[in-house]
Structure formats: C-alpha cells, structure tokens
C-alpha cells in the first residue's frame, strides 16, 4: 500500500494545507532576514559615525 509520510489510520487530509504554504513562509523569513540585516548594518554605521564625530 502506498502511504505518504505522516499518514496513519484515521488521519484527516485537508486539501491545500501543508507543503503548499511553505514557499510563503520561506519568502516571509527571507524578507525578515534582509530587513534585519539592513537594520544591523545601519546601526553599526551609526555607532561608528557617533564614535568618530564625538568631539
């Protein structure tokens, strides 16, 4: 019998759920990663600016 991983007797399959949403989650985390990277770079440059212009 061909069963998919995670299938068991009495399991309820919901159409459209599961792996179909994975690309959306990956995209959301990639966008979040880029935003956090920009924020970290900006803060680092700001700290250096304040360090060298503090007279």
PDB file of N, CA and C in Angstrom:
ATOM      1  N   UNK A   1       0.837  -1.182   0.000  1.00  0.00           N
ATOM      2  CA  UNK A   1       0.000   0.000   0.000  1.00  0.00           C
ATOM      3  C   UNK A   1       0.886   1.251   0.000  1.00  0.00           C
ATOM      4  N   UNK A   2       0.586   2.232  -0.831  1.00  0.00           N
ATOM      5  CA  UNK A   2       1.394   3.441  -0.882  1.00  0.00           C
ATOM      6  C   UNK A   2       0.860   4.506   0.058  1.00  0.00           C
ATOM      7  N   UNK A   3       1.601   4.783   1.085  1.00  0.00           N
ATOM      8  CA  UNK A   3       1.182   5.827   2.019  1.00  0.00           C
ATOM      9  C   UNK A   3       2.255   6.898   2.095  1.00  0.00           C
ATOM     10  N   UNK A   4       1.819   8.094   2.282  1.00  0.00           N
ATOM     11  CA  UNK A   4       2.747   9.214   2.418  1.00  0.00           C
ATOM     12  C   UNK A   4       3.252   9.281   3.858  1.00  0.00           C
ATOM     13  N   UNK A   5       4.423   9.862   4.064  1.00  0.00           N
ATOM     14  CA  UNK A   5       4.915  10.016   5.435  1.00  0.00           C
ATOM     15  C   UNK A   5       3.936  10.822   6.273  1.00  0.00           C
ATOM     16  N   UNK A   6       3.679  10.361   7.471  1.00  0.00           N
ATOM     17  CA  UNK A   6       2.757  11.054   8.353  1.00  0.00           C
ATOM     18  C   UNK A   6       1.330  10.559   8.244  1.00  0.00           C
ATOM     19  N   UNK A   7       1.030   9.698   7.269  1.00  0.00           N
ATOM     20  CA  UNK A   7      -0.314   9.132   7.157  1.00  0.00           C
ATOM     21  C   UNK A   7      -0.477   8.022   8.186  1.00  0.00           C
ATOM     22  N   UNK A   8      -1.620   7.967   8.801  1.00  0.00           N
ATOM     23  CA  UNK A   8      -1.931   6.891   9.726  1.00  0.00           C
ATOM     24  C   UNK A   8      -3.427   6.667   9.674  1.00  0.00           C
ATOM     25  N   UNK A   9      -3.900   5.501  10.121  1.00  0.00           N
ATOM     26  CA  UNK A   9      -5.342   5.225  10.058  1.00  0.00           C
ATOM     27  C   UNK A   9      -6.134   6.281  10.822  1.00  0.00           C
ATOM     28  N   UNK A  10      -7.132   6.819  10.188  1.00  0.00           N
ATOM     29  CA  UNK A  10      -7.970   7.826  10.809  1.00  0.00           C
ATOM     30  C   UNK A  10      -7.488   9.253  10.587  1.00  0.00           C
ATOM     31  N   UNK A  11      -6.391   9.417   9.854  1.00  0.00           N
ATOM     32  CA  UNK A  11      -5.873  10.759   9.599  1.00  0.00           C
ATOM     33  C   UNK A  11      -6.818  11.520   8.683  1.00  0.00           C
ATOM     34  N   UNK A  12      -6.974  12.775   8.946  1.00  0.00           N
ATOM     35  CA  UNK A  12      -7.822  13.633   8.122  1.00  0.00           C
ATOM     36  C   UNK A  12      -6.911  14.463   7.238  1.00  0.00           C
ATOM     37  N   UNK A  13      -7.104  14.363   5.926  1.00  0.00           N
ATOM     38  CA  UNK A  13      -6.296  15.129   4.974  1.00  0.00           C
ATOM     39  C   UNK A  13      -7.057  16.397   4.624  1.00  0.00           C
ATOM     40  N   UNK A  14      -6.404  17.536   4.751  1.00  0.00           N
ATOM     41  CA  UNK A  14      -7.031  18.798   4.391  1.00  0.00           C
ATOM     42  C   UNK A  14      -6.443  19.260   3.069  1.00  0.00           C
ATOM     43  N   UNK A  15      -7.270  19.420   2.042  1.00  0.00           N
ATOM     44  CA  UNK A  15      -6.738  19.849   0.745  1.00  0.00           C
ATOM     45  C   UNK A  15      -6.177  21.264   0.828  1.00  0.00           C
ATOM     46  N   UNK A  16      -5.012  21.446   0.223  1.00  0.00           N
ATOM     47  CA  UNK A  16      -4.397  22.763   0.182  1.00  0.00           C
ATOM     48  C   UNK A  16      -3.583  23.116   1.409  1.00  0.00           C
ATOM     49  N   UNK A  17      -3.516  22.232   2.378  1.00  0.00           N
ATOM     50  CA  UNK A  17      -2.744  22.519   3.592  1.00  0.00           C
ATOM     51  C   UNK A  17      -1.387  21.847   3.507  1.00  0.00           C
ATOM     52  N   UNK A  18      -0.469  22.301   4.315  1.00  0.00           N
ATOM     53  CA  UNK A  18       0.829  21.637   4.393  1.00  0.00           C
ATOM     54  C   UNK A  18       1.872  22.292   3.530  1.00  0.00           C
ATOM     55  N   UNK A  19       2.434  21.532   2.603  1.00  0.00           N
ATOM     56  CA  UNK A  19       3.576  21.984   1.815  1.00  0.00           C
ATOM     57  C   UNK A  19       3.230  23.144   0.880  1.00  0.00           C
ATOM     58  N   UNK A  20       1.963  23.342   0.569  1.00  0.00           N
ATOM     59  CA  UNK A  20       1.593  24.428  -0.336  1.00  0.00           C
ATOM     60  C   UNK A  20       1.899  25.793   0.282  1.00  0.00           C
ATOM     61  N   UNK A  21       1.912  25.887   1.600  1.00  0.00           N
ATOM     62  CA  UNK A  21       2.158  27.160   2.279  1.00  0.00           C
ATOM     63  C   UNK A  21       3.642  27.399   2.536  1.00  0.00           C
ATOM     64  N   UNK A  22       4.489  26.393   2.322  1.00  0.00           N
ATOM     65  CA  UNK A  22       5.905  26.512   2.651  1.00  0.00           C
ATOM     66  C   UNK A  22       6.605  27.638   1.892  1.00  0.00           C
ATOM     67  N   UNK A  23       6.406  27.819   0.578  1.00  0.00           N
ATOM     68  CA  UNK A  23       7.087  28.933  -0.115  1.00  0.00           C
ATOM     69  C   UNK A  23       6.722  30.300   0.462  1.00  0.00           C
ATOM     70  N   UNK A  24       5.488  30.470   0.927  1.00  0.00           N
ATOM     71  CA  UNK A  24       5.091  31.745   1.532  1.00  0.00           C
ATOM     72  C   UNK A  24       5.858  31.995   2.825  1.00  0.00           C
ATOM     73  N   UNK A  25       6.031  30.948   3.618  1.00  0.00           N
ATOM     74  CA  UNK A  25       6.760  31.076   4.882  1.00  0.00           C
ATOM     75  C   UNK A  25       8.227  31.372   4.611  1.00  0.00           C
ATOM     76  N   UNK A  26       8.810  30.684   3.635  1.00  0.00           N
ATOM     77  CA  UNK A  26      10.215  30.908   3.280  1.00  0.00           C
ATOM     78  C   UNK A  26      10.405  32.341   2.798  1.00  0.00           C
ATOM     79  N   UNK A  27       9.518  32.819   1.963  1.00  0.00           N
ATOM     80  CA  UNK A  27       9.608  34.195   1.463  1.00  0.00           C
ATOM     81  C   UNK A  27       9.499  35.201   2.609  1.00  0.00           C
ATOM     82  N   UNK A  28       8.586  34.963   3.535  1.00  0.00           N
ATOM     83  CA  UNK A  28       8.426  35.878   4.667  1.00  0.00           C
ATOM     84  C   UNK A  28       9.699  35.937   5.503  1.00  0.00           C
ATOM     85  N   UNK A  29      10.316  34.780   5.756  1.00  0.00           N
ATOM     86  CA  UNK A  29      11.536  34.775   6.561  1.00  0.00           C
ATOM     87  C   UNK A  29      12.716  35.370   5.805  1.00  0.00           C
ATOM     88  N   UNK A  30      12.753  35.218   4.478  1.00  0.00           N
ATOM     89  CA  UNK A  30      13.826  35.844   3.700  1.00  0.00           C
ATOM     90  C   UNK A  30      13.700  37.363   3.732  1.00  0.00           C
ATOM     91  N   UNK A  31      12.481  37.868   3.632  1.00  0.00           N
ATOM     92  CA  UNK A  31      12.258  39.311   3.726  1.00  0.00           C
ATOM     93  C   UNK A  31      12.655  39.808   5.109  1.00  0.00           C
ATOM     94  N   UNK A  32      12.272  39.059   6.147  1.00  0.00           N
ATOM     95  CA  UNK A  32      12.641  39.429   7.507  1.00  0.00           C
ATOM     96  C   UNK A  32      14.155  39.423   7.691  1.00  0.00           C
ATOM     97  N   UNK A  33      14.835  38.444   7.097  1.00  0.00           N
ATOM     98  CA  UNK A  33      16.295  38.369   7.185  1.00  0.00           C
ATOM     99  C   UNK A  33      16.946  39.591   6.541  1.00  0.00           C
ATOM    100  N   UNK A  34      16.448  39.998   5.381  1.00  0.00           N
ATOM    101  CA  UNK A  34      17.003  41.169   4.695  1.00  0.00           C
ATOM    102  C   UNK A  34      16.768  42.430   5.525  1.00  0.00           C
ATOM    103  N   UNK A  35      15.569  42.591   6.068  1.00  0.00           N
ATOM    104  CA  UNK A  35      15.269  43.782   6.867  1.00  0.00           C
ATOM    105  C   UNK A  35      16.144  43.859   8.114  1.00  0.00           C
ATOM    106  N   UNK A  36      16.320  42.738   8.790  1.00  0.00           N
ATOM    107  CA  UNK A  36      17.154  42.726   9.995  1.00  0.00           C
ATOM    108  C   UNK A  36      18.611  42.988   9.632  1.00  0.00           C
ATOM    109  N   UNK A  37      19.071  42.456   8.496  1.00  0.00           N
ATOM    110  CA  UNK A  37      20.451  42.704   8.061  1.00  0.00           C
ATOM    111  C   UNK A  37      20.681  44.183   7.781  1.00  0.00           C
ATOM    112  N   UNK A  38      19.729  44.826   7.131  1.00  0.00           N
ATOM    113  CA  UNK A  38      19.839  46.264   6.856  1.00  0.00           C
ATOM    114  C   UNK A  38      19.837  47.049   8.164  1.00  0.00           C
ATOM    115  N   UNK A  39      18.989  46.661   9.098  1.00  0.00           N
ATOM    116  CA  UNK A  39      18.934  47.341  10.387  1.00  0.00           C
ATOM    117  C   UNK A  39      20.250  47.202  11.148  1.00  0.00           C
ATOM    118  N   UNK A  40      20.841  46.019  11.157  1.00  0.00           N
ATOM    119  CA  UNK A  40      22.116  45.805  11.844  1.00  0.00           C
ATOM    120  C   UNK A  40      23.222  46.628  11.189  1.00  0.00           C
ATOM    121  N   UNK A  41      23.260  46.651   9.855  1.00  0.00           N
ATOM    122  CA  UNK A  41      24.285  47.426   9.148  1.00  0.00           C
ATOM    123  C   UNK A  41      24.117  48.916   9.432  1.00  0.00           C
ATOM    124  N   UNK A  42      22.884  49.409   9.401  1.00  0.00           N
ATOM    125  CA  UNK A  42      22.641  50.823   9.687  1.00  0.00           C
ATOM    126  C   UNK A  42      23.079  51.169  11.105  1.00  0.00           C
ATOM    127  N   UNK A  43      22.743  50.333  12.070  1.00  0.00           N
ATOM    128  CA  UNK A  43      23.105  50.609  13.459  1.00  0.00           C
ATOM    129  C   UNK A  43      24.621  50.601  13.643  1.00  0.00           C
ATOM    130  N   UNK A  44      25.304  49.670  12.990  1.00  0.00           N
ATOM    131  CA  UNK A  44      26.766  49.630  13.072  1.00  0.00           C
ATOM    132  C   UNK A  44      27.397  50.882  12.509  1.00  0.00           C
ATOM    133  N   UNK A  45      26.914  51.321  11.355  1.00  0.00           N
ATOM    134  CA  UNK A  45      27.441  52.554  10.761  1.00  0.00           C
ATOM    135  C   UNK A  45      27.116  53.771  11.620  1.00  0.00           C
ATOM    136  N   UNK A  46      25.946  53.791  12.217  1.00  0.00           N
ATOM    137  CA  UNK A  46      25.560  54.894  13.102  1.00  0.00           C
ATOM    138  C   UNK A  46      26.474  54.953  14.327  1.00  0.00           C
ATOM    139  N   UNK A  47      26.779  53.792  14.895  1.00  0.00           N
ATOM    140  CA  UNK A  47      27.672  53.756  16.058  1.00  0.00           C
ATOM    141  C   UNK A  47      29.058  54.260  15.677  1.00  0.00           C
ATOM    142  N   UNK A  48      29.574  53.839  14.527  1.00  0.00           N
ATOM    143  CA  UNK A  48      30.884  54.328  14.080  1.00  0.00           C
ATOM    144  C   UNK A  48      30.856  55.834  13.831  1.00  0.00           C
ATOM    145  N   UNK A  49      29.791  56.320  13.234  1.00  0.00           N
ATOM    146  CA  UNK A  49      29.654  57.760  12.987  1.00  0.00           C
ATOM    147  C   UNK A  49      29.675  58.533  14.302  1.00  0.00           C
ATOM    148  N   UNK A  50      28.888  58.073  15.277  1.00  0.00           N
ATOM    149  CA  UNK A  50      28.846  58.762  16.571  1.00  0.00           C
ATOM    150  C   UNK A  50      30.180  58.659  17.302  1.00  0.00           C
ATOM    151  N   UNK A  51      30.882  57.556  17.115  1.00  0.00           N
ATOM    152  CA  UNK A  51      32.164  57.362  17.782  1.00  0.00           C
ATOM    153  C   UNK A  51      33.206  58.347  17.270  1.00  0.00           C
ATOM    154  N   UNK A  52      33.239  58.555  15.964  1.00  0.00           N
ATOM    155  CA  UNK A  52      34.271  59.408  15.379  1.00  0.00           C
ATOM    156  C   UNK A  52      33.885  60.879  15.313  1.00  0.00           C
ATOM    157  N   UNK A  53      32.623  61.218  15.489  1.00  0.00           N
ATOM    158  CA  UNK A  53      32.224  62.630  15.468  1.00  0.00           C
ATOM    159  C   UNK A  53      31.967  63.156  16.872  1.00  0.00           C
ATOM    160  N   UNK A  54      32.227  62.360  17.880  1.00  0.00           N
ATOM    161  CA  UNK A  54      32.038  62.772  19.269  1.00  0.00           C
ATOM    162  C   UNK A  54      33.236  63.604  19.703  1.00  0.00           C
ATOM    163  N   UNK A  55      33.098  64.913  19.607  1.00  0.00           N
ATOM    164  CA  UNK A  55      34.239  65.774  19.980  1.00  0.00           C
ATOM    165  C   UNK A  55      33.814  66.794  21.009  1.00  0.00           C
TER     166      UNK A  55
END
